[in-house]
């Protein structure tokens, strides 16, 4: 598989992503059942016992509800910031976690897994200490960028020169505004510490595009406030406006909510 990323599930119902750099194998978030994680890994011929660790982006349940289960089953270390650990432990979000598997990481300080470099970076989201991740391996770069209300210069600099990116296309603004959510929830989603809308995400994608960006996976779609075809169309229109052709210049895939998204290699 070499260097690749594969969303096992992506969306407001639960998130889990598999990343591999040859023998270095990681899971980013587990907001789905342990059984579903194991089935997903087996579907791509990955032995769960070969996973090296679980990286946490933030403590919301759609990202961590299966973390404790998988950590206990396979004795896996869990990587999160000190503030995120404090929240997860104080509210018993993971169940019992062995002390040797409670690994504290720092933003902008790289984690090393062999030749794989994992860089957690700060993002804007309504959780205690959220991060995205940049993965670099043998001169290639994959970015994970979800659960962020806005992208400013500090955030976007982590996306430059990526060979592949999983980028949040959470919602369509009009669907949120006319939908049935209560006002406080609409305000949260649309705020600077909520989620990226299709239009803004498409703008980010065209901004960071360069000839070596092989693919973008459109992820973390809302079940109530987005439609896969709408997210895809928004990305397509923005790219085509810059004369960037899908299928020729870049591959675009919408991540599946409950099923495996195809493996993406760089």
C-alpha atoms as a PDB file:
ATOM      1  CA  UNK A   1       0.000   0.000   0.000  1.00  0.00           C
ATOM      2  CA  UNK A   2       2.963   2.318   0.561  1.00  0.00           C
ATOM      3  CA  UNK A   3       1.597   5.741   1.683  1.00  0.00           C
ATOM      4  CA  UNK A   4      -2.186   5.921   1.708  1.00  0.00           C
ATOM      5  CA  UNK A   5      -5.317   7.085   3.482  1.00  0.00           C
ATOM      6  CA  UNK A   6      -8.686   5.384   3.703  1.00  0.00           C
ATOM      7  CA  UNK A   7     -11.766   6.742   5.518  1.00  0.00           C
ATOM      8  CA  UNK A   8     -13.569   3.835   7.187  1.00  0.00           C
ATOM      9  CA  UNK A   9     -16.492   6.152   8.024  1.00  0.00           C
ATOM     10  CA  UNK A  10     -16.904   9.894   7.578  1.00  0.00           C
ATOM     11  CA  UNK A  11     -19.737  12.189   8.601  1.00  0.00           C
ATOM     12  CA  UNK A  12     -21.717  13.557  11.501  1.00  0.00           C
ATOM     13  CA  UNK A  13     -22.737   9.976  12.410  1.00  0.00           C
ATOM     14  CA  UNK A  14     -19.164   8.870  13.125  1.00  0.00           C
ATOM     15  CA  UNK A  15     -15.620   9.213  11.859  1.00  0.00           C
ATOM     16  CA  UNK A  16     -12.652   6.896  11.561  1.00  0.00           C
ATOM     17  CA  UNK A  17      -9.731   7.123   9.127  1.00  0.00           C
ATOM     18  CA  UNK A  18      -6.931   4.659   8.410  1.00  0.00           C
ATOM     19  CA  UNK A  19      -3.474   5.891   7.420  1.00  0.00           C
ATOM     20  CA  UNK A  20      -0.580   3.715   6.303  1.00  0.00           C
ATOM     21  CA  UNK A  21       3.052   4.468   5.517  1.00  0.00           C
ATOM     22  CA  UNK A  22       4.380   0.997   4.688  1.00  0.00           C
ATOM     23  CA  UNK A  23       4.663  -0.731   8.101  1.00  0.00           C
ATOM     24  CA  UNK A  24       3.495   2.307  10.080  1.00  0.00           C
ATOM     25  CA  UNK A  25      -0.271   2.033  10.479  1.00  0.00           C
ATOM     26  CA  UNK A  26      -2.500   4.435  12.391  1.00  0.00           C
ATOM     27  CA  UNK A  27      -6.150   5.192  13.031  1.00  0.00           C
ATOM     28  CA  UNK A  28      -7.332   8.788  13.280  1.00  0.00           C
ATOM     29  CA  UNK A  29     -10.407   9.010  15.530  1.00  0.00           C
ATOM     30  CA  UNK A  30     -12.843   6.187  16.174  1.00  0.00           C
ATOM     31  CA  UNK A  31     -16.381   7.521  16.395  1.00  0.00           C
ATOM     32  CA  UNK A  32     -17.923   4.222  15.293  1.00  0.00           C
ATOM     33  CA  UNK A  33     -18.260   0.780  16.878  1.00  0.00           C
ATOM     34  CA  UNK A  34     -15.230  -1.407  17.469  1.00  0.00           C
ATOM     35  CA  UNK A  35     -16.826  -4.099  15.318  1.00  0.00           C
ATOM     36  CA  UNK A  36     -17.181  -1.699  12.407  1.00  0.00           C
ATOM     37  CA  UNK A  37     -13.527  -0.656  12.698  1.00  0.00           C
ATOM     38  CA  UNK A  38     -12.355  -4.269  12.669  1.00  0.00           C
ATOM     39  CA  UNK A  39     -14.581  -5.110   9.704  1.00  0.00           C
ATOM     40  CA  UNK A  40     -13.320  -2.050   7.832  1.00  0.00           C
ATOM     41  CA  UNK A  41      -9.681  -2.966   8.361  1.00  0.00           C
ATOM     42  CA  UNK A  42     -10.302  -6.554   7.343  1.00  0.00           C
ATOM     43  CA  UNK A  43     -12.012  -5.326   4.154  1.00  0.00           C
ATOM     44  CA  UNK A  44      -8.718  -3.716   3.066  1.00  0.00           C
ATOM     45  CA  UNK A  45      -6.657  -6.681   4.300  1.00  0.00           C
ATOM     46  CA  UNK A  46      -5.198  -4.906   7.324  1.00  0.00           C
ATOM     47  CA  UNK A  47      -4.625  -6.966  10.465  1.00  0.00           C
ATOM     48  CA  UNK A  48      -5.879  -4.821  13.400  1.00  0.00           C
ATOM     49  CA  UNK A  49      -2.981  -6.096  15.544  1.00  0.00           C
ATOM     50  CA  UNK A  50      -0.543  -4.255  13.233  1.00  0.00           C
ATOM     51  CA  UNK A  51      -1.997  -0.804  14.091  1.00  0.00           C
ATOM     52  CA  UNK A  52       0.576   1.332  15.961  1.00  0.00           C
ATOM     53  CA  UNK A  53      -1.757   3.845  17.586  1.00  0.00           C
ATOM     54  CA  UNK A  54      -4.890   6.019  17.575  1.00  0.00           C
ATOM     55  CA  UNK A  55      -4.667   9.770  16.936  1.00  0.00           C
ATOM     56  CA  UNK A  56      -7.435  11.965  18.382  1.00  0.00           C
ATOM     57  CA  UNK A  57      -8.550  15.207  16.706  1.00  0.00           C
ATOM     58  CA  UNK A  58     -10.975  16.232  19.494  1.00  0.00           C
ATOM     59  CA  UNK A  59     -13.286  14.788  22.126  1.00  0.00           C
ATOM     60  CA  UNK A  60     -16.728  14.903  20.428  1.00  0.00           C
ATOM     61  CA  UNK A  61     -18.470  11.525  20.484  1.00  0.00           C
ATOM     62  CA  UNK A  62     -18.607  11.144  16.691  1.00  0.00           C
ATOM     63  CA  UNK A  63     -14.801  10.995  16.864  1.00  0.00           C
ATOM     64  CA  UNK A  64     -14.025   9.039  20.055  1.00  0.00           C
ATOM     65  CA  UNK A  65     -16.882   6.771  21.109  1.00  0.00           C
ATOM     66  CA  UNK A  66     -15.071   3.626  19.886  1.00  0.00           C
ATOM     67  CA  UNK A  67     -11.531   4.663  20.893  1.00  0.00           C
ATOM     68  CA  UNK A  68     -11.481   3.032  24.327  1.00  0.00           C
ATOM     69  CA  UNK A  69     -12.863  -0.235  22.987  1.00  0.00           C
ATOM     70  CA  UNK A  70     -10.192  -0.581  20.300  1.00  0.00           C
ATOM     71  CA  UNK A  71      -7.394   0.573  22.615  1.00  0.00           C
ATOM     72  CA  UNK A  72      -8.328  -2.065  25.185  1.00  0.00           C
ATOM     73  CA  UNK A  73      -8.816  -4.825  22.627  1.00  0.00           C
ATOM     74  CA  UNK A  74      -5.469  -4.342  20.869  1.00  0.00           C
ATOM     75  CA  UNK A  75      -3.500  -2.563  23.657  1.00  0.00           C
ATOM     76  CA  UNK A  76      -3.077   0.536  21.493  1.00  0.00           C
ATOM     77  CA  UNK A  77      -1.621   3.891  22.555  1.00  0.00           C
ATOM     78  CA  UNK A  78      -3.966   6.876  22.214  1.00  0.00           C
ATOM     79  CA  UNK A  79      -2.455  10.233  21.233  1.00  0.00           C
ATOM     80  CA  UNK A  80      -4.198  13.453  22.279  1.00  0.00           C
ATOM     81  CA  UNK A  81      -3.273  16.858  23.679  1.00  0.00           C
ATOM     82  CA  UNK A  82      -3.072  17.304  27.465  1.00  0.00           C
ATOM     83  CA  UNK A  83      -6.249  19.411  27.548  1.00  0.00           C
ATOM     84  CA  UNK A  84      -8.162  16.857  25.463  1.00  0.00           C
ATOM     85  CA  UNK A  85      -6.945  14.054  27.734  1.00  0.00           C
ATOM     86  CA  UNK A  86      -8.079  16.021  30.787  1.00  0.00           C
ATOM     87  CA  UNK A  87     -11.597  16.368  29.362  1.00  0.00           C
ATOM     88  CA  UNK A  88     -11.841  12.760  28.141  1.00  0.00           C
ATOM     89  CA  UNK A  89     -10.659  11.326  31.481  1.00  0.00           C
ATOM     90  CA  UNK A  90     -12.617  13.685  33.752  1.00  0.00           C
ATOM     91  CA  UNK A  91     -15.856  12.845  31.952  1.00  0.00           C
ATOM     92  CA  UNK A  92     -14.982   9.153  31.475  1.00  0.00           C
ATOM     93  CA  UNK A  93     -15.513   9.389  27.723  1.00  0.00           C
ATOM     94  CA  UNK A  94     -13.310   6.401  26.847  1.00  0.00           C
ATOM     95  CA  UNK A  95     -13.912   3.998  29.715  1.00  0.00           C
ATOM     96  CA  UNK A  96     -10.826   2.484  31.311  1.00  0.00           C
ATOM     97  CA  UNK A  97      -7.594   3.236  29.441  1.00  0.00           C
ATOM     98  CA  UNK A  98      -4.264   1.755  30.570  1.00  0.00           C
ATOM     99  CA  UNK A  99      -1.890   4.475  31.750  1.00  0.00           C
ATOM    100  CA  UNK A 100       0.830   3.377  29.341  1.00  0.00           C
ATOM    101  CA  UNK A 101      -1.609   4.016  26.473  1.00  0.00           C
ATOM    102  CA  UNK A 102      -2.385   7.610  27.528  1.00  0.00           C
ATOM    103  CA  UNK A 103       0.085   9.504  25.335  1.00  0.00           C
ATOM    104  CA  UNK A 104       0.169  13.304  25.497  1.00  0.00           C
ATOM    105  CA  UNK A 105       1.121  15.081  22.283  1.00  0.00           C
ATOM    106  CA  UNK A 106       1.701  18.780  21.650  1.00  0.00           C
ATOM    107  CA  UNK A 107       0.495  20.920  18.775  1.00  0.00           C
ATOM    108  CA  UNK A 108       3.179  21.740  16.221  1.00  0.00           C
ATOM    109  CA  UNK A 109       5.523  19.147  17.740  1.00  0.00           C
ATOM    110  CA  UNK A 110       6.037  16.186  15.385  1.00  0.00           C
ATOM    111  CA  UNK A 111       5.326  12.592  16.348  1.00  0.00           C
ATOM    112  CA  UNK A 112       7.669  10.066  14.747  1.00  0.00           C
ATOM    113  CA  UNK A 113       6.580   6.607  13.627  1.00  0.00           C
ATOM    114  CA  UNK A 114       9.651   5.294  11.863  1.00  0.00           C
ATOM    115  CA  UNK A 115      10.054   7.558   8.827  1.00  0.00           C
ATOM    116  CA  UNK A 116       6.441   8.771   9.088  1.00  0.00           C
ATOM    117  CA  UNK A 117       6.166  12.268  10.558  1.00  0.00           C
ATOM    118  CA  UNK A 118       2.827  13.227  12.117  1.00  0.00           C
ATOM    119  CA  UNK A 119       2.270  16.927  12.807  1.00  0.00           C
ATOM    120  CA  UNK A 120      -0.781  17.969  14.865  1.00  0.00           C
ATOM    121  CA  UNK A 121      -1.857  21.541  14.095  1.00  0.00           C
ATOM    122  CA  UNK A 122      -4.369  23.823  15.798  1.00  0.00           C
ATOM    123  CA  UNK A 123      -7.811  24.336  14.235  1.00  0.00           C
ATOM    124  CA  UNK A 124     -11.017  26.260  15.041  1.00  0.00           C
ATOM    125  CA  UNK A 125     -13.767  24.075  16.496  1.00  0.00           C
ATOM    126  CA  UNK A 126     -15.995  24.138  19.573  1.00  0.00           C
ATOM    127  CA  UNK A 127     -14.067  21.507  21.494  1.00  0.00           C
ATOM    128  CA  UNK A 128     -11.409  22.003  24.167  1.00  0.00           C
ATOM    129  CA  UNK A 129      -8.217  21.684  22.080  1.00  0.00           C
ATOM    130  CA  UNK A 130      -8.931  20.475  18.521  1.00  0.00           C
ATOM    131  CA  UNK A 131      -6.284  19.529  15.972  1.00  0.00           C
ATOM    132  CA  UNK A 132      -5.897  18.518  12.365  1.00  0.00           C
ATOM    133  CA  UNK A 133      -2.994  16.387  11.130  1.00  0.00           C
ATOM    134  CA  UNK A 134      -0.285  16.590   8.494  1.00  0.00           C
ATOM    135  CA  UNK A 135       1.412  13.318   7.549  1.00  0.00           C
ATOM    136  CA  UNK A 136       4.721  13.330   5.664  1.00  0.00           C
ATOM    137  CA  UNK A 137       6.574  10.263   4.449  1.00  0.00           C
ATOM    138  CA  UNK A 138       9.447   9.952   2.002  1.00  0.00           C
ATOM    139  CA  UNK A 139       8.815  13.381   0.474  1.00  0.00           C
ATOM    140  CA  UNK A 140       5.026  12.938   0.186  1.00  0.00           C
ATOM    141  CA  UNK A 141       2.367  14.757   2.205  1.00  0.00           C
ATOM    142  CA  UNK A 142      -1.217  13.898   3.190  1.00  0.00           C
ATOM    143  CA  UNK A 143      -3.407  16.335   5.148  1.00  0.00           C
ATOM    144  CA  UNK A 144      -6.432  15.636   7.338  1.00  0.00           C
ATOM    145  CA  UNK A 145      -8.580  18.767   7.755  1.00  0.00           C
ATOM    146  CA  UNK A 146     -12.064  18.351   9.231  1.00  0.00           C
ATOM    147  CA  UNK A 147     -14.165  19.892  12.013  1.00  0.00           C
ATOM    148  CA  UNK A 148     -13.111  23.488  11.537  1.00  0.00           C
ATOM    149  CA  UNK A 149     -15.323  26.550  11.404  1.00  0.00           C
ATOM    150  CA  UNK A 150     -12.872  28.643   9.451  1.00  0.00           C
ATOM    151  CA  UNK A 151      -9.564  28.449   7.630  1.00  0.00           C
ATOM    152  CA  UNK A 152      -7.212  31.373   8.107  1.00  0.00           C
ATOM    153  CA  UNK A 153      -3.625  31.923   6.980  1.00  0.00           C
ATOM    154  CA  UNK A 154      -2.221  30.014   9.961  1.00  0.00           C
ATOM    155  CA  UNK A 155      -4.355  26.948   9.218  1.00  0.00           C
ATOM    156  CA  UNK A 156      -4.052  26.936   5.435  1.00  0.00           C
ATOM    157  CA  UNK A 157      -0.265  27.012   5.506  1.00  0.00           C
ATOM    158  CA  UNK A 158      -0.429  23.376   6.655  1.00  0.00           C
ATOM    159  CA  UNK A 159      -2.286  22.439   3.450  1.00  0.00           C
ATOM    160  CA  UNK A 160       0.245  23.777   0.968  1.00  0.00           C
ATOM    161  CA  UNK A 161       2.168  21.302  -1.195  1.00  0.00           C
ATOM    162  CA  UNK A 162      -0.040  18.382  -0.155  1.00  0.00           C
ATOM    163  CA  UNK A 163      -0.189  15.333  -2.411  1.00  0.00           C
ATOM    164  CA  UNK A 164      -3.578  14.378  -0.993  1.00  0.00           C
ATOM    165  CA  UNK A 165      -6.104  15.931   1.397  1.00  0.00           C
ATOM    166  CA  UNK A 166      -9.187  14.858   3.330  1.00  0.00           C
ATOM    167  CA  UNK A 167     -11.072  18.155   3.563  1.00  0.00           C
ATOM    168  CA  UNK A 168     -14.341  18.879   5.348  1.00  0.00           C
ATOM    169  CA  UNK A 169     -17.343  19.717   3.153  1.00  0.00           C
ATOM    170  CA  UNK A 170     -19.834  19.636   6.015  1.00  0.00           C
ATOM    171  CA  UNK A 171     -22.911  21.558   4.959  1.00  0.00           C
ATOM    172  CA  UNK A 172     -24.768  23.672   2.465  1.00  0.00           C
ATOM    173  CA  UNK A 173     -25.532  27.039   4.094  1.00  0.00           C
ATOM    174  CA  UNK A 174     -29.033  27.270   2.597  1.00  0.00           C
ATOM    175  CA  UNK A 175     -29.948  23.802   3.854  1.00  0.00           C
ATOM    176  CA  UNK A 176     -28.858  24.769   7.371  1.00  0.00           C
ATOM    177  CA  UNK A 177     -30.786  28.051   7.293  1.00  0.00           C
ATOM    178  CA  UNK A 178     -34.079  26.551   6.101  1.00  0.00           C
ATOM    179  CA  UNK A 179     -33.709  23.257   7.984  1.00  0.00           C
ATOM    180  CA  UNK A 180     -35.319  22.174  11.205  1.00  0.00           C
ATOM    181  CA  UNK A 181     -32.372  22.608  13.552  1.00  0.00           C
ATOM    182  CA  UNK A 182     -32.912  24.937  16.549  1.00  0.00           C
ATOM    183  CA  UNK A 183     -31.368  28.378  16.251  1.00  0.00           C
ATOM    184  CA  UNK A 184     -28.486  27.724  18.690  1.00  0.00           C
ATOM    185  CA  UNK A 185     -27.410  24.687  16.661  1.00  0.00           C
ATOM    186  CA  UNK A 186     -27.596  26.548  13.356  1.00  0.00           C
ATOM    187  CA  UNK A 187     -25.496  29.308  14.897  1.00  0.00           C
ATOM    188  CA  UNK A 188     -22.937  26.763  16.094  1.00  0.00           C
ATOM    189  CA  UNK A 189     -22.622  25.024  12.711  1.00  0.00           C
ATOM    190  CA  UNK A 190     -22.298  28.286  10.789  1.00  0.00           C
ATOM    191  CA  UNK A 191     -19.942  29.935  13.298  1.00  0.00           C
ATOM    192  CA  UNK A 192     -16.161  30.263  13.229  1.00  0.00           C
ATOM    193  CA  UNK A 193     -15.844  27.282  15.582  1.00  0.00           C
ATOM    194  CA  UNK A 194     -18.336  25.054  13.781  1.00  0.00           C
ATOM    195  CA  UNK A 195     -17.905  23.346  10.430  1.00  0.00           C
ATOM    196  CA  UNK A 196     -16.789  24.237   6.904  1.00  0.00           C
ATOM    197  CA  UNK A 197     -19.541  24.791   4.360  1.00  0.00           C
ATOM    198  CA  UNK A 198     -19.275  23.538   0.789  1.00  0.00           C
ATOM    199  CA  UNK A 199     -18.531  26.957  -0.675  1.00  0.00           C
ATOM    200  CA  UNK A 200     -15.722  27.811   1.716  1.00  0.00           C
ATOM    201  CA  UNK A 201     -14.188  24.341   1.462  1.00  0.00           C
ATOM    202  CA  UNK A 202     -14.259  24.579  -2.350  1.00  0.00           C
ATOM    203  CA  UNK A 203     -12.549  27.961  -2.142  1.00  0.00           C
ATOM    204  CA  UNK A 204      -9.846  26.463   0.100  1.00  0.00           C
ATOM    205  CA  UNK A 205      -9.376  23.564  -2.308  1.00  0.00           C
ATOM    206  CA  UNK A 206      -8.850  25.812  -5.325  1.00  0.00           C
ATOM    207  CA  UNK A 207      -6.507  28.027  -3.284  1.00  0.00           C
ATOM    208  CA  UNK A 208      -4.200  25.158  -2.296  1.00  0.00           C
ATOM    209  CA  UNK A 209      -4.335  23.340  -5.640  1.00  0.00           C
ATOM    210  CA  UNK A 210      -1.017  22.699  -7.334  1.00  0.00           C
ATOM    211  CA  UNK A 211      -0.081  20.167 -10.042  1.00  0.00           C
ATOM    212  CA  UNK A 212       1.130  17.557  -7.516  1.00  0.00           C
ATOM    213  CA  UNK A 213      -2.135  17.535  -5.540  1.00  0.00           C
ATOM    214  CA  UNK A 214      -3.363  14.161  -6.762  1.00  0.00           C
ATOM    215  CA  UNK A 215      -6.644  13.901  -4.895  1.00  0.00           C
ATOM    216  CA  UNK A 216      -9.065  15.448  -2.449  1.00  0.00           C
ATOM    217  CA  UNK A 217     -11.581  13.482  -0.411  1.00  0.00           C
ATOM    218  CA  UNK A 218     -14.619  15.555   0.561  1.00  0.00           C
ATOM    219  CA  UNK A 219     -15.374  14.465   4.115  1.00  0.00           C
ATOM    220  CA  UNK A 220     -17.504  14.854   7.232  1.00  0.00           C
ATOM    221  CA  UNK A 221     -20.708  15.629   5.295  1.00  0.00           C
ATOM    222  CA  UNK A 222     -23.739  16.414   7.417  1.00  0.00           C
ATOM    223  CA  UNK A 223     -26.561  13.909   7.049  1.00  0.00           C
ATOM    224  CA  UNK A 224     -29.226  16.606   7.464  1.00  0.00           C
ATOM    225  CA  UNK A 225     -27.588  19.625   5.823  1.00  0.00           C
ATOM    226  CA  UNK A 226     -25.727  18.317   2.796  1.00  0.00           C
ATOM    227  CA  UNK A 227     -26.009  15.976  -0.169  1.00  0.00           C
ATOM    228  CA  UNK A 228     -22.970  14.185  -1.646  1.00  0.00           C
ATOM    229  CA  UNK A 229     -23.784  15.348  -5.181  1.00  0.00           C
ATOM    230  CA  UNK A 230     -24.079  18.937  -3.958  1.00  0.00           C
ATOM    231  CA  UNK A 231     -20.676  18.873  -2.245  1.00  0.00           C
ATOM    232  CA  UNK A 232     -19.111  17.332  -5.353  1.00  0.00           C
ATOM    233  CA  UNK A 233     -20.741  19.873  -7.660  1.00  0.00           C
ATOM    234  CA  UNK A 234     -19.555  22.753  -5.498  1.00  0.00           C
ATOM    235  CA  UNK A 235     -15.965  21.491  -5.658  1.00  0.00           C
ATOM    236  CA  UNK A 236     -16.256  20.804  -9.390  1.00  0.00           C
ATOM    237  CA  UNK A 237     -17.580  24.280 -10.216  1.00  0.00           C
ATOM    238  CA  UNK A 238     -14.909  26.020  -8.148  1.00  0.00           C
ATOM    239  CA  UNK A 239     -12.114  23.968  -9.702  1.00  0.00           C
ATOM    240  CA  UNK A 240     -13.400  24.373 -13.249  1.00  0.00           C
ATOM    241  CA  UNK A 241     -13.609  28.143 -12.742  1.00  0.00           C
ATOM    242  CA  UNK A 242      -9.822  27.968 -12.261  1.00  0.00           C
ATOM    243  CA  UNK A 243      -9.408  25.654 -15.286  1.00  0.00           C
ATOM    244  CA  UNK A 244      -8.670  22.663 -13.059  1.00  0.00           C
ATOM    245  CA  UNK A 245     -10.234  19.534 -14.536  1.00  0.00           C
ATOM    246  CA  UNK A 246     -11.468  16.674 -12.355  1.00  0.00           C
ATOM    247  CA  UNK A 247     -10.179  13.347 -13.611  1.00  0.00           C
ATOM    248  CA  UNK A 248      -7.277  14.966 -15.414  1.00  0.00           C
ATOM    249  CA  UNK A 249      -5.721  17.442 -12.973  1.00  0.00           C
ATOM    250  CA  UNK A 250      -7.136  16.071  -9.716  1.00  0.00           C
ATOM    251  CA  UNK A 251      -9.287  13.205  -8.437  1.00  0.00           C
ATOM    252  CA  UNK A 252     -12.294  14.152  -6.277  1.00  0.00           C
ATOM    253  CA  UNK A 253     -14.097  11.608  -4.086  1.00  0.00           C
ATOM    254  CA  UNK A 254     -16.935  12.149  -1.621  1.00  0.00           C
ATOM    255  CA  UNK A 255     -16.282  10.106   1.518  1.00  0.00           C
ATOM    256  CA  UNK A 256     -18.983   7.614   2.403  1.00  0.00           C
ATOM    257  CA  UNK A 257     -20.893   7.990   5.638  1.00  0.00           C
ATOM    258  CA  UNK A 258     -21.282   4.387   6.749  1.00  0.00           C
ATOM    259  CA  UNK A 259     -19.066   2.453   4.346  1.00  0.00           C
ATOM    260  CA  UNK A 260     -15.443   2.331   3.275  1.00  0.00           C
ATOM    261  CA  UNK A 261     -14.187   5.032   0.953  1.00  0.00           C
ATOM    262  CA  UNK A 262     -11.651   3.633  -1.554  1.00  0.00           C
ATOM    263  CA  UNK A 263      -7.975   3.679  -0.558  1.00  0.00           C
ATOM    264  CA  UNK A 264      -6.202   6.823  -1.785  1.00  0.00           C
ATOM    265  CA  UNK A 265      -2.456   6.548  -2.394  1.00  0.00           C
ATOM    266  CA  UNK A 266       0.218   9.136  -3.059  1.00  0.00           C
END
